[in-house]
């Protein structure tokens, strides 16, 4: 299943893997724990985007 959301909160609870897009470009993809716990892309903290 693919779930598209404008905020990270819904994705955090239901996703095994996450792709993060910034300005129409995929900037990071990986396991949810890694993306939300220690993101590599530093444009904006995913936890503060809520």
N, C-alpha and C. Protein backbone atom coordinates (compact mmCIF):
# COMPACT_ATOMS: atom_id res chain seq x y z
N UNK A 1 0.84 -1.17 0.00
CA UNK A 1 0.00 0.00 0.00
C UNK A 1 0.89 1.24 0.00
N UNK A 2 0.50 2.24 -0.74
CA UNK A 2 1.20 3.52 -0.77
C UNK A 2 0.30 4.56 -0.12
N UNK A 3 0.86 5.31 0.79
CA UNK A 3 0.12 6.36 1.50
C UNK A 3 0.84 7.68 1.28
N UNK A 4 0.14 8.66 0.74
CA UNK A 4 0.71 9.99 0.55
C UNK A 4 0.14 10.91 1.61
N UNK A 5 0.99 11.70 2.24
CA UNK A 5 0.55 12.61 3.28
C UNK A 5 1.37 13.89 3.23
N UNK A 6 0.78 14.98 3.64
CA UNK A 6 1.49 16.25 3.67
C UNK A 6 2.27 16.43 4.95
N UNK A 7 1.98 15.63 5.95
CA UNK A 7 2.69 15.71 7.22
C UNK A 7 3.22 14.35 7.62
N UNK A 8 4.25 14.30 8.44
CA UNK A 8 4.86 13.02 8.79
C UNK A 8 4.10 12.21 9.84
N UNK A 9 3.23 12.82 10.61
CA UNK A 9 2.59 12.12 11.72
C UNK A 9 1.81 10.88 11.27
N UNK A 10 0.96 10.94 10.25
CA UNK A 10 0.24 9.72 9.83
C UNK A 10 1.19 8.62 9.34
N UNK A 11 2.23 8.99 8.64
CA UNK A 11 3.17 8.01 8.09
C UNK A 11 3.96 7.31 9.18
N UNK A 12 4.27 8.00 10.24
CA UNK A 12 5.09 7.44 11.31
C UNK A 12 4.44 6.19 11.92
N UNK A 13 3.13 6.21 12.09
CA UNK A 13 2.45 5.11 12.76
C UNK A 13 2.11 3.92 11.90
N UNK A 14 2.07 4.07 10.58
CA UNK A 14 1.60 2.99 9.72
C UNK A 14 2.62 2.50 8.70
N UNK A 15 3.79 3.10 8.65
CA UNK A 15 4.73 2.78 7.58
C UNK A 15 5.91 1.94 8.05
N UNK A 16 6.33 1.01 7.21
CA UNK A 16 7.58 0.28 7.43
C UNK A 16 8.73 1.04 6.77
N UNK A 17 8.43 1.63 5.61
CA UNK A 17 9.44 2.41 4.87
C UNK A 17 8.83 3.75 4.49
N UNK A 18 9.69 4.76 4.40
CA UNK A 18 9.24 6.13 4.12
C UNK A 18 10.13 6.73 3.03
N UNK A 19 9.52 7.49 2.15
CA UNK A 19 10.26 8.32 1.19
C UNK A 19 9.94 9.76 1.53
N UNK A 20 10.96 10.59 1.71
CA UNK A 20 10.78 12.00 2.05
C UNK A 20 11.08 12.84 0.82
N UNK A 21 10.13 13.69 0.47
CA UNK A 21 10.29 14.57 -0.69
C UNK A 21 10.40 16.01 -0.23
N UNK A 22 11.27 16.78 -0.88
CA UNK A 22 11.38 18.21 -0.64
C UNK A 22 11.43 18.90 -1.99
N UNK A 23 10.49 19.79 -2.21
CA UNK A 23 10.40 20.52 -3.48
C UNK A 23 10.37 19.58 -4.68
N UNK A 24 9.51 18.59 -4.60
CA UNK A 24 9.26 17.62 -5.68
C UNK A 24 10.43 16.69 -5.96
N UNK A 25 11.42 16.64 -5.09
CA UNK A 25 12.54 15.72 -5.28
C UNK A 25 12.65 14.80 -4.07
N UNK A 26 12.83 13.50 -4.33
CA UNK A 26 13.00 12.57 -3.23
C UNK A 26 14.39 12.80 -2.64
N UNK A 27 14.41 13.15 -1.37
CA UNK A 27 15.68 13.47 -0.72
C UNK A 27 16.17 12.35 0.19
N UNK A 28 15.26 11.46 0.58
CA UNK A 28 15.65 10.37 1.46
C UNK A 28 14.61 9.25 1.40
N UNK A 29 15.08 8.02 1.49
CA UNK A 29 14.20 6.86 1.53
C UNK A 29 14.83 5.83 2.45
N UNK A 30 14.00 5.17 3.24
CA UNK A 30 14.53 4.15 4.14
C UNK A 30 13.48 3.67 5.12
N UNK A 31 13.93 2.93 6.12
CA UNK A 31 13.04 2.42 7.16
C UNK A 31 12.54 3.58 8.01
N UNK A 32 11.30 3.46 8.46
CA UNK A 32 10.66 4.53 9.22
C UNK A 32 11.47 4.92 10.45
N UNK A 33 11.96 3.93 11.19
CA UNK A 33 12.73 4.24 12.40
C UNK A 33 13.96 5.08 12.08
N UNK A 34 14.63 4.78 10.97
CA UNK A 34 15.83 5.52 10.60
C UNK A 34 15.46 6.93 10.13
N UNK A 35 14.44 7.05 9.30
CA UNK A 35 14.05 8.35 8.76
C UNK A 35 13.57 9.29 9.85
N UNK A 36 12.75 8.80 10.77
CA UNK A 36 12.22 9.66 11.82
C UNK A 36 13.19 9.80 12.99
N UNK A 37 14.04 8.80 13.22
CA UNK A 37 14.95 8.84 14.35
C UNK A 37 16.25 9.57 14.08
N UNK A 38 16.80 9.38 12.88
CA UNK A 38 18.09 10.00 12.54
C UNK A 38 18.11 10.32 11.05
N UNK A 39 17.33 11.31 10.63
CA UNK A 39 17.28 11.64 9.20
C UNK A 39 18.62 12.14 8.69
N UNK A 40 18.93 11.77 7.46
CA UNK A 40 20.17 12.21 6.83
C UNK A 40 19.99 13.57 6.16
N UNK A 41 18.79 13.86 5.71
CA UNK A 41 18.50 15.13 5.04
C UNK A 41 18.18 16.17 6.10
N UNK A 42 18.91 17.25 6.13
CA UNK A 42 18.81 18.20 7.23
C UNK A 42 18.09 19.50 6.88
N UNK A 43 17.36 19.56 5.76
CA UNK A 43 16.63 20.78 5.40
C UNK A 43 15.66 21.17 6.51
N UNK A 44 14.94 20.17 7.02
CA UNK A 44 13.95 20.42 8.06
C UNK A 44 13.79 19.14 8.86
N UNK A 45 13.78 19.24 10.15
CA UNK A 45 13.57 18.07 10.99
C UNK A 45 12.18 17.51 10.72
N UNK A 46 12.10 16.21 10.52
CA UNK A 46 10.81 15.59 10.24
C UNK A 46 9.88 15.68 11.44
N UNK A 47 10.42 15.65 12.64
CA UNK A 47 9.56 15.72 13.81
C UNK A 47 9.00 17.11 14.02
N UNK A 48 9.67 18.14 13.55
CA UNK A 48 9.16 19.51 13.71
C UNK A 48 8.22 19.92 12.59
N UNK A 49 8.07 19.06 11.60
CA UNK A 49 7.20 19.39 10.46
C UNK A 49 5.72 19.18 10.78
N UNK A 50 5.41 18.60 11.92
CA UNK A 50 4.02 18.31 12.29
C UNK A 50 3.29 19.58 12.66
